[in-house]
Amino acid sequence: MSLDCAEKIAEAVLYEGHILYPYRASSVKNRQRWNFGVLCPRGYCEEQSGSEAWMMQTECLLEAGPSTRFSLEVRFLQILTRTVGKLAHPIDALPSEGEPEWNPVEQLVVDGRAYSPWQEAIERKVTIAGIHPGNAMRVRHSAFEFPLQREIEPIRACEGAIEGIVVRDWETVRGAIEIDINACGEGLQKITLRLRNLVEREFSQASERSDALMFSLVSAHMILSADDGSFISLLDPPENLRKLAAQCVNVGTWPVLVGADGEHDTMLSSPIILYDYPQIAPESPGSLFDGTEIDEILSLRILTLTDQEKEEMRQSDERSREILERTESMPPEQFMKLHGVLRGIHPVGEEAQ
C-alpha cells in the first residue's frame, strides 16, 4: 500500500513543471523547462561554476533486523528532441532502410492538424532489489546506460500519402548508483545513496543548457521500500535518534515517509521538499504538472482558451492533449468537487468557547 502511494507521489514529482498553464509550447514559461532534480554531465557543471549539479545524495536511517531487506528504485526523465520534417515528395510508405528526403520545418499542417518541434521526455527506471542492510557494504558503481536512439513517425494525409515525418532523437545517457551502508547503533543502519551522471562530454562556458539537458537525468528521485524494517523520519525522529537524524546529509534531494500515517516501510527521496506522508487530493481528476495547482481555477482557464490556443495545446505533446481532453469532458459534478472540500473538522469543546 505504501509503495502504491509512493508511486503516485513520485509520478507527480517526475512531471512537476513538465508543461505549465497555458500548456502551449509558445508560452514564455514553457521555454525554460526541466528545472527540478536535474543532473547534468559533470563537464557542463564545471563550466557553469557550480550552478548545475551532476550528483545527488540521499541519507536516511533504517531500523533493521536479520531478515530485513530493502529495494531501491531510481526514476528520471530522459529528454528527447522532436523534429518535424516535410517530405520533398509524398510517398506511400517509409523505406525499410534509410530515410526519405525531407527538410525540417517550424510547423507542418496536414489536413488541418499542426505538427511542431518540441522537447519530449521518456521515463527511465533503474531498480536494485533485495539489499541486505545488516551487512556493511558499498556498491561503488552500479552503473546503467540508456543508448541513443532515433524513431521516425509518418505524418499521413487523409488519402493515405505520407507528407511529412516526426523524428524523435535521444542521446546516450549514463549514470551510476552508489550505496553505502554503515551501522550506527544496535539494529540501526545509515543508508547513503549517491546518484551520479557519468556522461563524458566536452562543454564550454558558452554551451547552451538545452544541449546539456539531452545528456542529463531530469526530475531524478528515489523510492526506498523495506521488508521487515522501519525507516526513521528525518523531520520528526524519536528523541533518542534526533542527533543521528540531524547528521544525515542530503544533497539536492530530501527523503520523506510515504503511505498512510504511521507507516515506516517506504521513503521517497524527492528534489522537491515535501513533508512526511504527502498526499494527492482525491478530488483531483489528474495532474496539471503544478504542485501548487488549484484544479478548479486551472481547469476553468483551460476551458476559456480560444480554439487556436486549444489546438496548439493539443499538439504540444501527448500529456497536454490528455489535460485538454480530460478538462473538456469533465462532468459538472466533478467541477463541484473541485470547488472546495473541508477536512479535519472537529467539534469544539466548551473549554475552547
Foldseek 3Di string as FASTA:
>chain_A
DQVVQLVVVLVLLQLFQVAAPVLFCPDPSNVDGQDAPKAFAPQQCVQQVNPHHFKWKFKFKKQADQPKWKKKKKKFKAKKKKWKWFAPDWDQDADPDDGGHTDTDQWDAAPNAIAGIAIDIDMDMDMDTGHGLVDFDKDPFPKDKDAKDKDKDFDAHPVRITGIIIIIIAHMWMKGKMWGWDDDDVSMIMIMIMIGTHDDDHDHNPDDVVVRSSHMGTSIKMKMFMDRMFIAALVDGPPVCVVVSVPTDTGQWYKAAEDDPPGGGMIITGSDDDYHHDGDPPLDPDDNSHPVDLRLVSLVVNVPDDPVSLSSSCNNDPVSVVSSVCSVPDDPVSSVSSPDDDPDDDDDDPVVD
